[in-house]
Amino acid sequence: MRLSPKLVGPAVAVCLALGGTVAAAPPAPDAPSRTADRYCAVVVSKTLDAAGHSRVLGEACSDVSRKDALALADAPNRSVGQRNTPTRTPLLEEYRDLDRYNSIYTMYGDAGGCDAEGYHLVNYYEIATNVSSMDGYYGCNRVHLWNLKQEESNPDPELPIFNLGSFNDNVRELQVYRG
């Protein structure tokens, strides 16, 4: 059977569209649910991944507390029978409101606080579209932001930030550092 050239283009477009739908499917059932109604924690390394972001060592969400989310995020890093785990240093906390009351995502470093290079972090979409304010810890006093369109902040604001302006509910990536 021979296809008409007039049908091939639309057929390819439909196949590509369906392929995009499959690629955008929800996360696997074992992936942590990263909604703004939960406490979420991520542990990152100073080592960068292939995309230039701080390597993620573990992440998890909890309905209970930030401490519980960190314990769950850090669980894969503990070896069997290991009594002491490395200290995880809080780097940045993101909040869903301007008064920094409802924490939704806390980032921890495995190599201490911030230096001039800092850590390059990535928010998941569910978090990126809910961040309204943030606070830095352990020398993390400046932040460079990228929104969902990959537009950058300029100049880099000091932490804490109570109002993200055009980046409100629109923080895809950030580099937190000591400035």
Protein backbone atom coordinates (compact mmCIF):
# COMPACT_ATOMS: atom_id res chain seq x y z
CA MET A 1 0.00 0.00 0.00
CA ARG A 2 1.33 3.39 -0.95
CA LEU A 3 0.64 6.46 1.22
CA SER A 4 -0.26 9.76 -0.31
CA PRO A 5 2.41 12.45 0.27
CA LYS A 6 -0.41 14.67 1.57
CA LEU A 7 -0.99 12.22 4.44
CA VAL A 8 2.64 11.54 5.40
CA GLY A 9 3.32 15.01 6.90
CA PRO A 10 0.22 15.04 9.14
CA ALA A 11 0.81 11.40 10.14
CA VAL A 12 4.39 12.19 11.20
CA ALA A 13 3.17 15.23 13.13
CA VAL A 14 0.59 13.12 15.00
CA CYS A 15 3.22 10.48 15.85
CA LEU A 16 5.60 13.16 17.14
CA ALA A 17 2.83 14.78 19.16
CA LEU A 18 1.91 11.44 20.72
CA GLY A 19 5.56 10.75 21.42
CA GLY A 20 5.79 14.10 23.23
CA THR A 21 2.74 13.18 25.28
CA VAL A 22 4.34 9.95 26.39
CA ALA A 23 7.57 11.77 27.30
CA ALA A 24 5.61 14.25 29.40
CA ALA A 25 3.84 11.53 31.37
CA PRO A 26 3.69 11.86 35.17
CA PRO A 27 6.64 10.55 37.20
CA ALA A 28 6.88 6.88 38.06
CA PRO A 29 4.92 5.81 41.17
CA ASP A 30 8.12 5.49 43.24
CA ALA A 31 9.23 9.07 42.49
CA PRO A 32 8.63 11.53 45.36
CA SER A 33 5.54 13.67 44.97
CA ARG A 34 6.90 17.22 44.85
CA THR A 35 3.85 19.29 45.57
CA ALA A 36 3.75 22.59 47.39
CA ASP A 37 1.75 20.96 50.21
CA ARG A 38 4.67 18.79 51.37
CA TYR A 39 8.11 19.30 52.88
CA CYS A 40 10.74 18.37 50.31
CA ALA A 41 14.50 18.08 50.72
CA VAL A 42 17.36 17.49 48.32
CA VAL A 43 20.98 16.69 49.18
CA VAL A 44 23.47 17.94 46.59
CA SER A 45 27.19 17.64 46.02
CA LYS A 46 29.75 20.25 44.99
CA THR A 47 30.52 17.87 42.12
CA LEU A 48 28.70 18.92 38.94
CA ASP A 49 26.74 16.62 36.65
CA ALA A 50 27.03 16.64 32.85
CA ALA A 51 24.56 19.58 32.61
CA GLY A 52 26.63 21.71 35.02
CA HIS A 53 24.27 21.35 37.98
CA SER A 54 25.22 20.19 41.46
CA ARG A 55 24.89 16.40 41.50
CA VAL A 56 21.81 15.20 43.40
CA LEU A 57 22.70 12.63 46.06
CA GLY A 58 19.17 12.10 47.29
CA GLU A 59 15.77 13.70 47.54
CA ALA A 60 12.48 12.98 49.23
CA CYS A 61 9.28 14.58 50.41
CA SER A 62 7.41 14.14 53.67
CA ASP A 63 4.05 15.17 55.06
CA VAL A 64 5.60 15.27 58.56
CA SER A 65 8.52 17.75 58.67
CA ARG A 66 11.69 19.10 57.03
CA LYS A 67 13.75 16.88 59.32
CA ASP A 68 11.85 13.80 58.15
CA ALA A 69 12.25 14.83 54.49
CA LEU A 70 16.03 15.18 54.99
CA ALA A 71 16.25 11.76 56.69
CA LEU A 72 14.39 10.18 53.76
CA ALA A 73 16.52 12.06 51.18
CA ASP A 74 19.72 11.00 52.91
CA ALA A 75 18.73 7.33 53.36
CA PRO A 76 20.27 6.15 50.02
CA ASN A 77 23.63 7.63 51.10
CA ARG A 78 23.91 5.54 54.25
CA SER A 79 25.74 2.27 53.91
CA VAL A 80 24.53 -0.78 55.82
CA GLY A 81 25.79 -0.67 59.40
CA GLN A 82 27.21 2.87 59.11
CA ARG A 83 26.67 4.66 62.43
CA ASN A 84 27.64 8.19 61.45
CA THR A 85 26.45 9.97 58.34
CA PRO A 86 28.09 13.14 57.02
CA THR A 87 26.68 16.42 58.24
CA ARG A 88 24.30 17.95 55.74
CA THR A 89 24.52 21.71 55.66
CA PRO A 90 21.33 23.67 54.92
CA LEU A 91 21.95 25.92 51.92
CA LEU A 92 18.64 27.35 50.82
CA GLU A 93 15.02 27.18 51.77
CA GLU A 94 12.24 28.05 49.35
CA TYR A 95 8.83 29.20 50.51
CA ARG A 96 5.44 29.34 48.87
CA ASP A 97 4.54 32.68 50.45
CA LEU A 98 6.10 36.11 50.86
CA ASP A 99 6.43 35.97 54.65
CA ARG A 100 8.60 32.83 54.50
CA TYR A 101 6.17 30.77 56.56
CA ASN A 102 5.32 27.76 54.36
CA SER A 103 8.60 26.04 53.45
CA ILE A 104 8.25 23.80 50.42
CA TYR A 105 11.81 22.86 49.44
CA THR A 106 15.05 22.77 51.42
CA MET A 107 18.43 22.17 49.78
CA TYR A 108 21.35 20.69 51.70
CA GLY A 109 25.01 20.48 50.70
CA ASP A 110 27.36 17.59 51.42
CA ALA A 111 30.48 19.81 51.35
CA GLY A 112 29.60 22.51 53.84
CA GLY A 113 28.12 25.95 53.24
CA CYS A 114 28.56 28.28 50.31
CA ASP A 115 31.76 29.69 48.88
CA ALA A 116 32.15 32.03 45.90
CA GLU A 117 31.21 29.19 43.51
CA GLY A 118 28.35 27.84 45.59
CA TYR A 119 25.89 25.24 44.37
CA HIS A 120 23.87 25.19 41.13
CA LEU A 121 20.41 23.85 41.89
CA VAL A 122 17.39 22.90 39.79
CA ASN A 123 13.76 23.04 40.88
CA TYR A 124 11.18 20.59 39.63
CA TYR A 125 8.22 22.17 37.86
CA GLU A 126 5.89 21.59 40.83
CA ILE A 127 8.27 23.59 43.05
CA ALA A 128 9.37 26.16 40.43
CA THR A 129 5.78 27.36 39.97
CA ASN A 130 5.22 27.84 43.71
CA VAL A 131 8.33 29.67 45.00
CA SER A 132 7.58 33.17 46.30
CA SER A 133 10.47 33.82 48.70
CA MET A 134 13.72 32.19 49.86
CA ASP A 135 16.38 32.27 52.52
CA GLY A 136 20.04 31.21 52.50
CA TYR A 137 22.15 29.66 55.26
CA TYR A 138 25.83 29.01 56.06
CA GLY A 139 27.34 31.69 53.89
CA CYS A 140 24.76 31.38 51.11
CA ASN A 141 23.86 35.07 50.91
CA ARG A 142 23.43 35.68 47.14
CA VAL A 143 21.48 33.89 44.45
CA HIS A 144 21.45 33.92 40.66
CA LEU A 145 18.05 32.91 39.26
CA TRP A 146 16.77 31.47 35.98
CA ASN A 147 13.06 31.33 35.27
CA LEU A 148 11.12 28.72 33.31
CA LYS A 149 12.04 30.50 30.03
CA GLN A 150 15.74 30.39 31.01
CA GLU A 151 15.87 34.17 31.46
CA GLU A 152 18.41 35.21 34.13
CA SER A 153 18.20 37.58 37.05
CA ASN A 154 20.45 40.60 36.99
CA PRO A 155 21.85 41.73 39.40
CA ASP A 156 21.98 38.78 41.78
CA PRO A 157 19.83 39.62 44.79
CA GLU A 158 20.90 39.15 48.39
CA LEU A 159 19.24 36.53 50.59
CA PRO A 160 16.75 36.47 52.20
CA ILE A 161 14.37 37.50 49.45
CA PHE A 162 10.82 38.33 50.48
CA ASN A 163 9.53 39.21 47.01
CA LEU A 164 10.89 37.57 43.86
CA GLY A 165 9.21 40.09 41.56
CA SER A 166 8.99 38.69 38.01
CA PHE A 167 10.50 35.41 39.29
CA ASN A 168 7.60 34.84 41.70
CA ASP A 169 6.25 31.32 41.08
CA ASN A 170 8.82 31.10 38.29
CA VAL A 171 12.21 29.82 39.59
CA ARG A 172 13.54 26.94 37.50
CA GLU A 173 17.25 27.09 38.40
CA LEU A 174 19.37 28.96 40.89
CA GLN A 175 22.98 29.27 41.88
CA VAL A 176 23.34 30.04 45.56
CA TYR A 177 26.74 31.34 46.65
CA ARG A 178 28.69 33.62 49.00
CA GLY A 179 28.98 37.08 47.49
